[in-house]
Each structure stands twice: as structure tokens, then as C-alpha cells.
N, C-alpha and C. Protein backbone atom coordinates (compact mmCIF):
# COMPACT_ATOMS: atom_id res chain seq x y z
N UNK A 1 96.55 59.27 83.22
CA UNK A 1 96.55 58.63 84.60
C UNK A 1 95.24 59.30 85.25
N UNK A 2 94.35 58.53 85.71
CA UNK A 2 93.14 59.03 86.44
C UNK A 2 93.46 59.68 87.73
N UNK A 3 92.61 60.66 88.08
CA UNK A 3 92.86 61.31 89.43
C UNK A 3 92.92 60.49 90.36
N UNK A 4 92.18 59.38 90.58
CA UNK A 4 92.13 58.54 91.62
C UNK A 4 93.37 57.65 91.67
N UNK A 5 94.08 57.27 90.73
CA UNK A 5 95.38 56.71 90.91
C UNK A 5 96.44 57.70 91.03
N UNK A 6 96.27 58.99 90.54
CA UNK A 6 97.31 60.15 90.98
C UNK A 6 97.06 60.31 92.46
N UNK A 7 95.89 60.33 92.89
CA UNK A 7 95.63 60.56 94.34
C UNK A 7 96.15 59.43 95.23
N UNK A 8 96.06 58.14 94.76
CA UNK A 8 96.69 57.17 95.46
C UNK A 8 98.24 57.10 95.46
N UNK A 9 98.69 57.65 94.45
CA UNK A 9 100.36 57.70 94.33
C UNK A 9 100.61 58.83 95.60
N UNK A 10 100.16 59.99 95.21
CA UNK A 10 100.45 61.00 96.16
C UNK A 10 100.34 60.67 97.70
N UNK A 11 99.24 60.10 97.93
CA UNK A 11 98.92 59.63 99.40
C UNK A 11 99.95 58.70 99.82
N UNK A 12 100.20 57.70 98.91
CA UNK A 12 101.11 56.61 99.28
C UNK A 12 102.59 57.48 99.49
N UNK A 13 103.05 58.29 98.74
CA UNK A 13 104.29 58.99 98.78
C UNK A 13 104.41 59.61 100.23
N UNK A 14 103.15 60.40 100.60
CA UNK A 14 103.29 61.27 101.61
C UNK A 14 103.20 60.40 102.98
N UNK A 15 102.35 59.21 102.94
CA UNK A 15 102.54 58.45 104.03
C UNK A 15 103.83 57.92 104.27
N UNK A 16 104.47 57.34 103.14
CA UNK A 16 105.83 56.90 103.51
C UNK A 16 107.04 57.84 103.89
N UNK A 17 106.65 59.22 103.52
CA UNK A 17 107.55 60.28 104.01
C UNK A 17 107.10 60.37 105.51
N UNK A 18 105.87 60.52 105.93
CA UNK A 18 105.54 60.68 107.19
C UNK A 18 106.12 59.54 108.10
N UNK A 19 106.09 58.34 107.76
CA UNK A 19 106.69 57.04 108.63
C UNK A 19 108.22 57.45 108.54
N UNK A 20 108.72 58.06 107.73
CA UNK A 20 110.19 58.07 107.66
C UNK A 20 110.55 59.25 108.51
N UNK A 21 109.75 60.03 108.95
CA UNK A 21 110.20 61.26 109.92
C UNK A 21 110.24 60.81 111.40
N UNK A 22 111.24 61.12 111.97
CA UNK A 22 111.35 60.70 113.35
C UNK A 22 110.56 61.69 114.20
N UNK A 23 111.13 62.89 114.65
CA UNK A 23 110.40 64.05 115.22
C UNK A 23 109.93 64.84 114.16
N UNK A 24 108.61 64.88 114.15
CA UNK A 24 107.94 65.80 113.22
C UNK A 24 107.11 66.88 113.78
N UNK A 25 106.58 67.60 112.64
CA UNK A 25 105.76 68.73 113.10
C UNK A 25 104.49 68.43 113.74
N UNK A 26 103.72 69.02 114.31
CA UNK A 26 102.38 68.75 114.96
C UNK A 26 101.62 68.05 114.12
N UNK A 27 101.23 66.73 114.20
CA UNK A 27 100.64 65.77 113.21
C UNK A 27 99.09 66.22 112.89
N UNK A 28 98.43 66.35 114.08
CA UNK A 28 97.18 66.50 114.18
C UNK A 28 96.85 67.90 115.01
N UNK A 29 96.05 68.74 114.38
CA UNK A 29 95.36 70.03 115.10
C UNK A 29 93.79 69.91 114.99
N UNK A 30 93.22 70.34 115.88
CA UNK A 30 91.63 70.25 116.00
C UNK A 30 91.31 71.79 116.46
N UNK A 31 90.15 72.07 115.87
CA UNK A 31 89.69 73.46 116.26
C UNK A 31 89.34 73.48 117.72
N UNK A 32 89.44 74.76 118.46
CA UNK A 32 88.76 74.90 119.94
C UNK A 32 87.23 74.75 119.73
N UNK A 33 86.57 75.05 120.84
CA UNK A 33 85.21 75.18 121.07
C UNK A 33 84.68 76.08 120.02
N UNK A 34 83.59 76.04 119.52
CA UNK A 34 82.82 76.93 118.58
C UNK A 34 82.90 78.31 118.98
N UNK A 35 82.68 78.70 120.23
CA UNK A 35 82.36 80.01 120.66
C UNK A 35 83.78 80.75 120.84
N UNK A 36 84.86 79.82 121.25
CA UNK A 36 86.14 80.33 121.44
C UNK A 36 86.66 80.57 119.94
N UNK A 37 86.52 79.63 119.20
CA UNK A 37 86.99 79.72 117.72
C UNK A 37 86.37 80.97 116.95
N UNK A 38 85.07 81.24 117.18
CA UNK A 38 84.49 82.60 116.54
C UNK A 38 85.19 83.72 117.04
N UNK A 39 85.33 83.71 118.10
CA UNK A 39 86.01 85.02 118.89
C UNK A 39 87.35 85.24 118.38
N UNK A 40 88.24 84.08 118.28
CA UNK A 40 89.56 84.06 117.65
C UNK A 40 89.49 84.48 116.21
N UNK A 41 88.56 83.86 115.55
CA UNK A 41 88.42 84.45 114.03
C UNK A 41 88.32 85.80 113.91
N UNK A 42 87.34 86.46 114.72
CA UNK A 42 87.06 87.87 114.75
C UNK A 42 88.32 88.73 115.08
N UNK A 43 89.12 88.18 116.02
CA UNK A 43 90.33 88.94 116.32
C UNK A 43 91.24 88.96 115.22
N UNK A 44 91.50 87.79 114.48
CA UNK A 44 92.35 87.59 113.31
C UNK A 44 91.86 88.38 112.37
N UNK A 45 90.68 88.42 111.85
CA UNK A 45 90.09 89.17 110.92
C UNK A 45 90.20 90.77 111.04
N UNK A 46 90.17 91.21 112.23
CA UNK A 46 90.37 92.65 112.69
C UNK A 46 92.04 92.79 112.58
N UNK A 47 92.83 92.03 112.97
CA UNK A 47 94.23 92.31 112.73
C UNK A 47 94.51 92.18 111.33
N UNK A 48 94.01 91.58 110.46
CA UNK A 48 94.62 91.66 109.10
C UNK A 48 93.77 92.63 108.03
N UNK A 49 92.77 93.19 108.71
CA UNK A 49 91.82 93.89 107.97
C UNK A 49 92.47 94.80 107.03
N UNK A 50 93.20 95.87 107.73
CA UNK A 50 94.02 96.88 107.01
C UNK A 50 95.07 96.40 106.32
N UNK A 51 95.49 95.21 106.67
CA UNK A 51 97.04 94.90 106.21
C UNK A 51 96.92 93.95 104.97
N UNK A 52 96.02 93.22 104.78
CA UNK A 52 95.95 92.17 103.52
C UNK A 52 95.67 92.82 102.34
N UNK A 53 96.28 92.69 101.17
CA UNK A 53 95.96 93.24 99.95
C UNK A 53 95.98 92.26 98.90
N UNK A 54 95.38 92.66 97.77
CA UNK A 54 95.29 91.91 96.66
C UNK A 54 96.74 91.28 96.27
N UNK A 55 96.68 89.95 96.04
CA UNK A 55 97.92 89.22 95.75
C UNK A 55 98.72 88.84 96.69
N UNK A 56 98.43 89.16 98.19
CA UNK A 56 99.18 88.70 99.23
C UNK A 56 99.04 87.18 99.54
N UNK A 57 99.77 86.41 100.16
CA UNK A 57 99.48 84.84 100.32
C UNK A 57 99.02 84.78 101.82
N UNK A 58 98.24 83.80 102.02
CA UNK A 58 97.86 83.36 103.42
C UNK A 58 98.41 82.03 103.55
N UNK A 59 99.25 81.67 104.11
CA UNK A 59 99.92 80.46 104.55
C UNK A 59 99.28 79.93 105.78
N UNK A 60 98.70 78.82 105.95
CA UNK A 60 97.86 78.29 107.15
C UNK A 60 98.28 77.02 107.45
N UNK A 61 97.97 76.65 108.59
CA UNK A 61 97.79 75.18 109.18
C UNK A 61 96.14 75.01 109.26
N UNK A 62 95.75 74.08 108.33
CA UNK A 62 94.27 73.73 108.27
C UNK A 62 93.88 72.47 109.07
N UNK A 63 92.87 72.05 109.17
CA UNK A 63 92.19 71.07 109.89
C UNK A 63 91.82 69.80 108.93
N UNK A 64 92.07 69.94 107.60
CA UNK A 64 91.75 68.68 106.78
C UNK A 64 92.88 67.65 107.08
N UNK A 65 92.40 66.36 106.82
CA UNK A 65 93.42 65.17 106.78
C UNK A 65 94.59 65.47 105.91
N UNK A 66 94.39 66.13 104.78
CA UNK A 66 95.57 66.42 104.02
C UNK A 66 96.46 67.35 104.67
N UNK A 67 96.10 68.18 105.45
CA UNK A 67 96.80 69.16 106.06
C UNK A 67 97.70 68.48 106.97
N UNK A 68 97.12 67.49 107.61
CA UNK A 68 98.00 66.63 108.68
C UNK A 68 99.22 66.00 107.77
N UNK A 69 98.74 65.49 106.68
CA UNK A 69 99.67 64.75 105.83
C UNK A 69 100.88 65.65 105.43
N UNK A 70 100.31 66.78 104.94
CA UNK A 70 101.47 67.91 104.37
C UNK A 70 102.42 68.20 105.58
N UNK A 71 101.71 68.49 106.78
CA UNK A 71 102.55 68.97 107.97
C UNK A 71 103.60 68.06 108.22
N UNK A 72 103.02 66.65 108.36
CA UNK A 72 104.04 65.46 108.45
C UNK A 72 105.08 65.26 107.53
N UNK A 73 104.64 65.37 106.34
CA UNK A 73 105.61 65.01 105.38
C UNK A 73 106.77 66.03 105.12
N UNK A 74 106.34 67.24 105.39
CA UNK A 74 107.32 68.33 105.16
C UNK A 74 108.17 68.75 106.54
N UNK A 75 107.65 68.12 107.60
CA UNK A 75 108.04 68.46 109.07
C UNK A 75 108.24 69.98 109.27
N UNK A 76 107.08 70.46 108.63
CA UNK A 76 106.92 72.13 108.98
C UNK A 76 105.31 72.31 109.37
N UNK A 77 104.98 72.92 110.18
CA UNK A 77 103.69 73.09 110.92
C UNK A 77 102.60 74.02 110.10
N UNK A 78 102.96 74.08 108.86
CA UNK A 78 102.16 74.83 107.87
C UNK A 78 101.72 74.01 106.66
N UNK A 79 100.54 74.06 106.29
CA UNK A 79 100.00 72.91 105.45
C UNK A 79 99.41 73.31 103.89
N UNK A 80 99.12 74.81 103.83
CA UNK A 80 98.31 75.21 102.76
C UNK A 80 98.66 76.68 102.48
N UNK A 81 98.53 77.02 101.14
CA UNK A 81 98.55 78.51 100.68
C UNK A 81 97.42 78.96 99.85
N UNK A 82 97.11 79.98 99.97
CA UNK A 82 95.84 80.69 99.19
C UNK A 82 96.56 81.99 98.87
N UNK A 83 95.90 82.60 97.66
CA UNK A 83 96.21 83.92 97.20
C UNK A 83 95.04 84.69 97.43
N UNK A 84 95.28 86.07 97.98
CA UNK A 84 94.04 86.89 98.34
C UNK A 84 93.59 87.67 97.20
N UNK A 85 92.34 87.64 97.09
CA UNK A 85 91.69 88.37 96.10
C UNK A 85 90.80 89.65 97.04
N UNK A 86 91.47 90.49 97.59
CA UNK A 86 91.00 91.40 98.59
C UNK A 86 89.74 92.26 97.83
N UNK A 87 89.91 92.46 96.75
CA UNK A 87 88.85 93.35 96.04
C UNK A 87 87.47 92.67 96.35
N UNK A 88 87.38 91.35 96.28
CA UNK A 88 85.95 90.59 96.48
C UNK A 88 85.94 89.97 97.89
N UNK A 89 86.97 90.14 98.82
CA UNK A 89 87.07 89.66 100.09
C UNK A 89 87.03 88.19 99.96
N UNK A 90 87.75 87.60 99.11
CA UNK A 90 88.00 86.14 98.94
C UNK A 90 89.49 85.63 98.78
N UNK A 91 89.39 84.48 98.93
CA UNK A 91 90.89 83.97 98.56
C UNK A 91 90.61 82.86 97.32
N UNK A 92 91.72 82.63 96.67
CA UNK A 92 91.86 81.59 95.48
C UNK A 92 92.81 80.52 96.03
N UNK A 93 92.50 79.22 95.92
CA UNK A 93 93.25 78.02 96.32
C UNK A 93 93.15 77.10 95.34
N UNK A 94 94.19 76.11 95.30
CA UNK A 94 94.30 74.89 94.86
C UNK A 94 93.99 73.74 95.82
N UNK A 95 92.89 73.07 95.70
CA UNK A 95 92.54 71.90 96.46
C UNK A 95 92.31 70.68 95.74
N UNK A 96 92.17 69.54 96.24
CA UNK A 96 91.95 68.15 95.55
C UNK A 96 90.85 68.41 94.44
N UNK A 97 89.90 69.04 94.69
CA UNK A 97 88.81 69.14 93.67
C UNK A 97 89.19 70.10 92.54
N UNK A 98 90.26 70.88 92.81
CA UNK A 98 90.66 71.90 91.84
C UNK A 98 90.99 73.26 92.28
N UNK A 99 91.17 74.16 91.47
CA UNK A 99 91.25 75.60 91.89
C UNK A 99 90.00 76.29 92.07
N UNK A 100 89.71 76.79 93.20
CA UNK A 100 88.32 77.33 93.71
C UNK A 100 88.56 78.50 94.42
N UNK A 101 87.44 79.36 94.83
CA UNK A 101 87.61 80.54 95.61
C UNK A 101 86.63 80.22 96.64
N UNK A 102 86.97 81.02 97.75
CA UNK A 102 86.01 81.04 99.01
C UNK A 102 86.21 82.31 99.96
N UNK A 103 85.16 82.77 100.53
CA UNK A 103 85.28 83.91 101.22
C UNK A 103 86.48 84.12 102.22
N UNK A 104 87.02 85.06 102.24
CA UNK A 104 88.37 85.26 103.30
C UNK A 104 87.99 84.85 104.52
N UNK A 105 86.85 85.45 105.10
CA UNK A 105 86.41 85.02 106.35
C UNK A 105 86.34 83.35 106.72
N UNK A 106 85.79 82.72 105.83
CA UNK A 106 85.62 81.25 105.87
C UNK A 106 87.01 80.54 105.84
N UNK A 107 88.10 81.09 105.28
CA UNK A 107 89.12 80.49 104.98
C UNK A 107 89.95 80.58 106.30
N UNK A 108 89.88 81.91 106.85
CA UNK A 108 90.63 82.13 108.04
C UNK A 108 89.92 81.42 109.31
N UNK A 109 88.47 81.20 109.15
CA UNK A 109 87.80 80.39 110.29
C UNK A 109 88.25 78.95 110.16
N UNK A 110 88.64 78.56 109.09
CA UNK A 110 89.08 77.04 108.85
C UNK A 110 90.51 76.84 109.12
N UNK A 111 91.14 77.69 109.74
CA UNK A 111 92.57 77.73 109.98
C UNK A 111 92.98 77.77 111.40
N UNK A 112 94.00 76.80 111.70
CA UNK A 112 94.52 76.87 112.90
C UNK A 112 95.73 77.80 113.31
N UNK A 113 96.19 78.22 112.05
CA UNK A 113 97.23 79.33 112.24
C UNK A 113 97.19 79.91 110.99
N UNK A 114 97.33 81.35 110.89
CA UNK A 114 97.49 82.01 109.76
C UNK A 114 98.66 82.92 109.57
N UNK A 115 99.32 82.84 108.61
CA UNK A 115 100.39 83.92 108.26
C UNK A 115 100.16 84.70 106.95
N UNK A 116 100.28 86.11 106.95
CA UNK A 116 100.14 86.88 105.95
C UNK A 116 101.56 87.03 105.39
N UNK A 117 101.76 86.66 104.11
CA UNK A 117 103.06 86.92 103.47
C UNK A 117 102.94 87.79 102.25
N UNK A 118 103.77 88.64 102.23
CA UNK A 118 103.74 89.64 100.97
C UNK A 118 104.86 89.26 99.98
N UNK A 119 104.54 88.82 98.83
CA UNK A 119 105.39 88.38 98.00
C UNK A 119 106.64 89.26 97.63
N UNK A 120 107.88 88.85 97.46
CA UNK A 120 108.75 89.81 97.19
C UNK A 120 108.58 90.52 95.88
N UNK A 121 107.89 90.16 94.93
CA UNK A 121 107.47 90.84 93.73
C UNK A 121 106.36 91.89 93.81
N UNK A 122 105.89 91.84 94.86
CA UNK A 122 104.52 92.59 95.06
C UNK A 122 104.83 94.15 94.91
N UNK A 123 103.71 94.68 94.26
CA UNK A 123 103.55 95.99 94.28
C UNK A 123 101.88 96.21 94.20
N UNK A 124 101.25 97.47 94.58
CA UNK A 124 99.80 97.33 94.51
C UNK A 124 99.44 96.81 93.12
N UNK A 125 99.89 97.37 92.06
CA UNK A 125 99.54 96.87 90.68
C UNK A 125 99.77 95.37 90.32
N UNK A 126 100.96 94.99 90.81
CA UNK A 126 101.29 93.56 90.65
C UNK A 126 100.42 92.61 91.37
N UNK A 127 99.93 93.03 92.62
CA UNK A 127 99.37 92.14 93.54
C UNK A 127 97.97 92.01 92.86
N UNK A 128 97.37 93.13 92.39
CA UNK A 128 95.95 93.10 91.83
C UNK A 128 96.01 92.29 90.48
N UNK A 129 97.09 92.31 89.64
CA UNK A 129 97.34 91.53 88.62
C UNK A 129 97.51 90.27 88.91
N UNK A 130 98.11 89.81 89.94
CA UNK A 130 98.30 88.33 90.40
C UNK A 130 97.08 87.69 90.81
N UNK A 131 96.28 88.68 91.48
CA UNK A 131 94.92 87.98 92.01
C UNK A 131 94.07 87.66 90.81
N UNK A 132 94.05 88.50 89.85
CA UNK A 132 93.19 88.36 88.48
C UNK A 132 93.63 87.33 87.83
N UNK A 133 95.13 87.04 87.74
CA UNK A 133 95.49 85.86 86.98
C UNK A 133 95.12 84.62 87.72
N UNK A 134 95.22 84.55 88.96
CA UNK A 134 94.74 83.40 89.73
C UNK A 134 93.25 83.03 89.54
N UNK A 135 92.54 84.04 89.35
CA UNK A 135 91.06 83.99 89.34
C UNK A 135 90.75 83.51 88.01
N UNK A 136 91.66 83.59 86.84
CA UNK A 136 91.54 82.90 85.47
C UNK A 136 91.69 81.53 85.58
N UNK A 137 92.39 81.06 86.65
CA UNK A 137 92.62 79.48 86.78
C UNK A 137 91.39 78.80 87.48
N UNK A 138 90.53 79.62 87.89
CA UNK A 138 89.43 78.90 88.77
C UNK A 138 88.89 77.61 87.88
N UNK A 139 88.81 76.68 88.44
CA UNK A 139 88.08 75.33 87.70
C UNK A 139 89.29 74.51 87.23
N UNK A 140 90.51 75.10 87.23
CA UNK A 140 91.73 74.16 86.72
C UNK A 140 91.78 72.98 87.56
N UNK A 141 92.44 72.01 87.27
CA UNK A 141 92.65 70.73 87.97
C UNK A 141 93.68 70.81 88.96
N UNK A 142 93.74 70.09 89.91
CA UNK A 142 94.89 69.99 90.93
C UNK A 142 95.89 69.19 90.36
N UNK A 143 97.27 69.76 90.71
CA UNK A 143 98.34 69.19 90.17
C UNK A 143 99.05 68.10 91.30
N UNK A 144 98.18 67.03 91.31
CA UNK A 144 98.69 65.75 92.10
C UNK A 144 100.19 65.33 92.12
N UNK A 145 100.61 65.07 90.83
CA UNK A 145 102.01 64.78 90.63
C UNK A 145 102.85 66.04 90.75
N UNK A 146 102.50 67.10 90.64
CA UNK A 146 103.25 68.31 90.79
C UNK A 146 103.92 68.31 92.25
N UNK A 147 102.76 67.96 93.09
CA UNK A 147 102.88 68.05 94.49
C UNK A 147 104.04 67.14 95.02
N UNK A 148 104.61 66.20 94.10
CA UNK A 148 105.66 65.49 94.37
C UNK A 148 106.79 65.54 93.41
N UNK A 149 106.73 66.53 92.66
CA UNK A 149 108.00 67.07 91.84
C UNK A 149 107.73 66.72 90.23
N UNK A 150 106.57 66.23 89.89
CA UNK A 150 106.46 65.94 88.42
C UNK A 150 105.35 66.86 87.97
N UNK A 151 105.82 68.06 87.50
CA UNK A 151 104.82 69.15 87.11
C UNK A 151 103.91 69.01 85.96
N UNK A 152 102.73 69.23 86.11
CA UNK A 152 101.97 69.31 84.93
C UNK A 152 101.58 70.88 84.62
N UNK A 153 101.98 71.36 83.43
CA UNK A 153 101.67 72.82 83.35
C UNK A 153 100.31 73.53 83.53
N UNK A 154 99.41 72.67 83.28
CA UNK A 154 97.94 73.23 83.20
C UNK A 154 97.41 73.04 84.49
N UNK A 155 98.02 72.49 85.46
CA UNK A 155 97.35 72.14 86.73
C UNK A 155 98.22 72.66 87.94
N UNK A 156 97.52 72.97 89.07
CA UNK A 156 98.48 73.52 90.20
C UNK A 156 98.14 72.93 91.47
N UNK A 157 99.24 72.81 92.36
CA UNK A 157 98.77 72.40 93.65
C UNK A 157 98.88 73.81 94.48
N UNK A 158 98.63 73.96 95.70
CA UNK A 158 98.33 75.18 96.41
C UNK A 158 99.54 76.31 96.36
N UNK A 159 100.70 75.81 96.81
CA UNK A 159 101.81 76.83 96.79
C UNK A 159 102.37 77.02 95.38
N UNK A 160 102.20 76.20 94.39
CA UNK A 160 102.45 76.48 93.13
C UNK A 160 101.73 77.60 92.44
N UNK A 161 100.30 77.51 92.80
CA UNK A 161 99.48 78.49 92.40
C UNK A 161 99.73 80.02 92.79
N UNK A 162 100.06 80.01 94.09
CA UNK A 162 100.28 81.24 94.63
C UNK A 162 101.70 81.76 93.91
N UNK A 163 102.54 80.94 93.71
CA UNK A 163 104.02 81.58 93.33
C UNK A 163 103.87 81.76 91.70
N UNK A 164 103.09 80.97 90.90
CA UNK A 164 102.87 80.93 89.48
C UNK A 164 102.11 82.15 89.22
N UNK A 165 101.30 82.87 90.04
CA UNK A 165 100.54 84.11 89.79
C UNK A 165 101.53 85.17 89.48
N UNK A 166 102.70 85.23 89.96
CA UNK A 166 103.54 86.36 89.91
C UNK A 166 104.87 85.90 88.83
N UNK A 167 104.54 84.85 87.99
CA UNK A 167 105.58 84.36 87.13
C UNK A 167 106.10 85.62 86.45
N UNK A 168 105.20 86.33 85.69
CA UNK A 168 105.75 87.38 84.70
C UNK A 168 106.74 88.39 85.45
N UNK A 169 106.86 88.35 86.68
CA UNK A 169 107.79 89.40 87.37
C UNK A 169 109.05 88.66 87.96
N UNK A 170 109.23 87.26 87.60
CA UNK A 170 110.22 86.52 87.92
C UNK A 170 111.55 87.31 87.13
N UNK A 171 112.76 87.36 87.92
CA UNK A 171 113.94 87.72 87.39
C UNK A 171 114.63 86.73 86.67
N UNK A 172 115.62 87.01 86.05
CA UNK A 172 116.28 85.82 85.05
C UNK A 172 116.86 84.85 86.10
N UNK A 173 117.37 85.17 87.35
CA UNK A 173 118.10 84.32 88.20
C UNK A 173 117.11 83.63 89.15
N UNK A 174 115.78 83.76 89.00
CA UNK A 174 114.86 83.17 90.06
C UNK A 174 114.98 81.54 89.87
N UNK A 175 115.15 80.87 91.08
CA UNK A 175 115.29 79.52 91.24
C UNK A 175 114.22 78.91 92.14
N UNK A 176 113.64 77.89 91.83
CA UNK A 176 112.65 77.22 92.80
C UNK A 176 112.82 75.77 92.92
N UNK A 177 112.55 75.12 94.02
CA UNK A 177 112.75 73.71 94.16
C UNK A 177 111.76 73.10 93.31
N UNK A 178 111.85 71.90 93.08
CA UNK A 178 110.86 71.15 92.09
C UNK A 178 109.27 71.05 92.88
N UNK A 179 109.52 70.92 94.18
CA UNK A 179 108.11 71.06 95.11
C UNK A 179 108.38 72.29 95.98
N UNK A 180 107.47 73.18 95.80
CA UNK A 180 107.30 74.37 96.53
C UNK A 180 106.42 74.00 97.91
N UNK A 181 106.98 74.05 98.98
CA UNK A 181 106.30 73.62 100.38
C UNK A 181 105.62 74.82 100.83
N UNK A 182 104.36 74.67 101.49
CA UNK A 182 103.66 75.94 101.96
C UNK A 182 104.69 76.51 103.15
N UNK A 183 105.47 75.66 103.97
CA UNK A 183 106.28 76.32 104.92
C UNK A 183 107.52 76.92 104.34
N UNK A 184 107.66 77.05 103.00
CA UNK A 184 108.75 77.75 102.37
C UNK A 184 108.45 78.92 101.92
N UNK A 185 107.21 79.44 101.96
CA UNK A 185 106.90 80.62 101.14
C UNK A 185 107.35 81.81 101.60
N UNK A 186 107.94 81.88 102.91
CA UNK A 186 108.58 83.25 103.40
C UNK A 186 109.86 83.23 102.75
N UNK A 187 110.33 82.45 102.01
CA UNK A 187 111.52 82.47 101.20
C UNK A 187 111.39 83.51 99.99
N UNK A 188 110.08 83.64 99.66
CA UNK A 188 109.89 84.66 98.61
C UNK A 188 108.96 85.81 98.84
N UNK A 189 108.92 86.12 100.29
CA UNK A 189 108.24 87.18 100.72
C UNK A 189 108.53 87.79 102.17
N UNK A 190 107.70 88.34 102.76
CA UNK A 190 108.01 89.10 103.88
C UNK A 190 106.78 88.55 104.91
N UNK A 191 107.04 88.07 105.96
CA UNK A 191 105.76 87.88 106.95
C UNK A 191 105.34 89.24 107.54
N UNK A 192 104.07 89.47 107.38
CA UNK A 192 103.52 90.76 107.83
C UNK A 192 102.76 90.41 109.01
N UNK A 193 102.11 89.20 109.19
CA UNK A 193 101.39 88.79 110.35
C UNK A 193 101.36 87.32 110.65
N UNK A 194 101.48 86.87 111.89
CA UNK A 194 101.42 85.57 112.24
C UNK A 194 100.25 85.51 113.34
N UNK A 195 99.43 84.73 113.34
CA UNK A 195 98.31 84.68 114.43
C UNK A 195 98.67 83.89 115.50
N UNK A 196 99.66 83.04 115.26
CA UNK A 196 99.91 82.07 116.27
C UNK A 196 98.97 81.01 116.26
N UNK A 197 99.08 80.05 117.20
CA UNK A 197 98.13 78.85 117.22
C UNK A 197 97.01 79.11 118.03
N UNK A 198 95.80 78.76 117.44
CA UNK A 198 94.52 78.77 118.07
C UNK A 198 94.66 77.96 119.48
N UNK A 199 94.08 78.65 120.39
CA UNK A 199 93.99 77.88 121.89
C UNK A 199 92.54 77.57 122.19
N UNK A 200 92.44 76.66 123.11
CA UNK A 200 91.15 76.21 123.60
C UNK A 200 90.32 77.12 124.51
N UNK A 201 91.09 78.26 124.95
CA UNK A 201 90.30 79.22 125.90
C UNK A 201 90.97 80.62 125.88
């Protein structure tokens, strides 16, 4: 199946879910004015500077149209997950173009809300190993069908990537839903920081 047809299937399913939701999460969020946003970003970066470690998860509400779709489809006001590569001050994420890395600062600046979650399997050594494992998947394709429950083992969607980086530490009794939603990530970790929503002033 081509990525275009997979994208069409996923988009259709998400739209169907969105239409089926009565009361839903905030459908669209937009960034505040640039000056306000820059100040908020600096405050958030300062707040997480000593806190965030290799292998932590950043769970966000983003500004991309797919973020709006995810929030609507899941009825949870969080839309994306990345794993932290603190050693290089970057994050690793799975997006439509595939698994990629970007600076931590840019990722936070592009977010309307940020949660730092420490995975339950985390130790300093395991977190560093998880970040390195995620980095090995850079360039992998996005798992469009996995995002609706039909997993492809060599592809990843955002929350799947974040959880899969810790796979070797799973206990025998670990159970996960067919689709791991960004808003569910706290079930496998501890929330260390919640920025709250950006405001216009």
C-alpha cells in the first residue's frame, strides 16, 4: 500500500471519529503573538532545564492540522509524543515524513502545552539507552496503519516510538492497547511537569 493511500485511510478514519464525537477536546489551538510565545517558551525551557533527562517523554498539544485531528479523534487535548535526547539537546519523534530529530527548543516552541513524563522503566542508564535506541530509528517510515491498530514492526507512530524505545525493559505482564494514544502516556510513567496552556498575554 502506498503512503498516499495509507494517509487517505488514516485521515478518513480520524475524520469519521471526529464527526462521531459529541463533546470533544479543544479542536484547534493557535499560538499567541510571537513576543508572548517567545517569552513563554523561555519560561518553559527554564522550568525543564534541570528536570528533563535522556529518555524522558515530552507529550504535547501541537499546532499542526494532524494535532487537531488527533485531539478530536481521541477526545484528549494532547496530540503528540517525542523522546528526549538530552545529551544532544534534541528530541526524536515520528511524524508523517518518518522518524526525525529536532532541537528541544524548537519542539517546545512549537507546542501549545508540554508535559514531561518519566517512563516507569526509566533509570539514568535505561533512559540513555532508550534515547540511543530511538536515534537508531531515525529515517524509519511512519506507521500510518499502526496509528489505527494495524501495526507494522519496522515503522513507528509517535507514541509507539516512545514506548518501543523501552521494550527490552518490559515485564512479562506488560499489556498495551492496540493503539497507544498520546494522552495515555501517563499510564506508563510519572508526570514531572505540566506547562499548562499558552495564553495570549
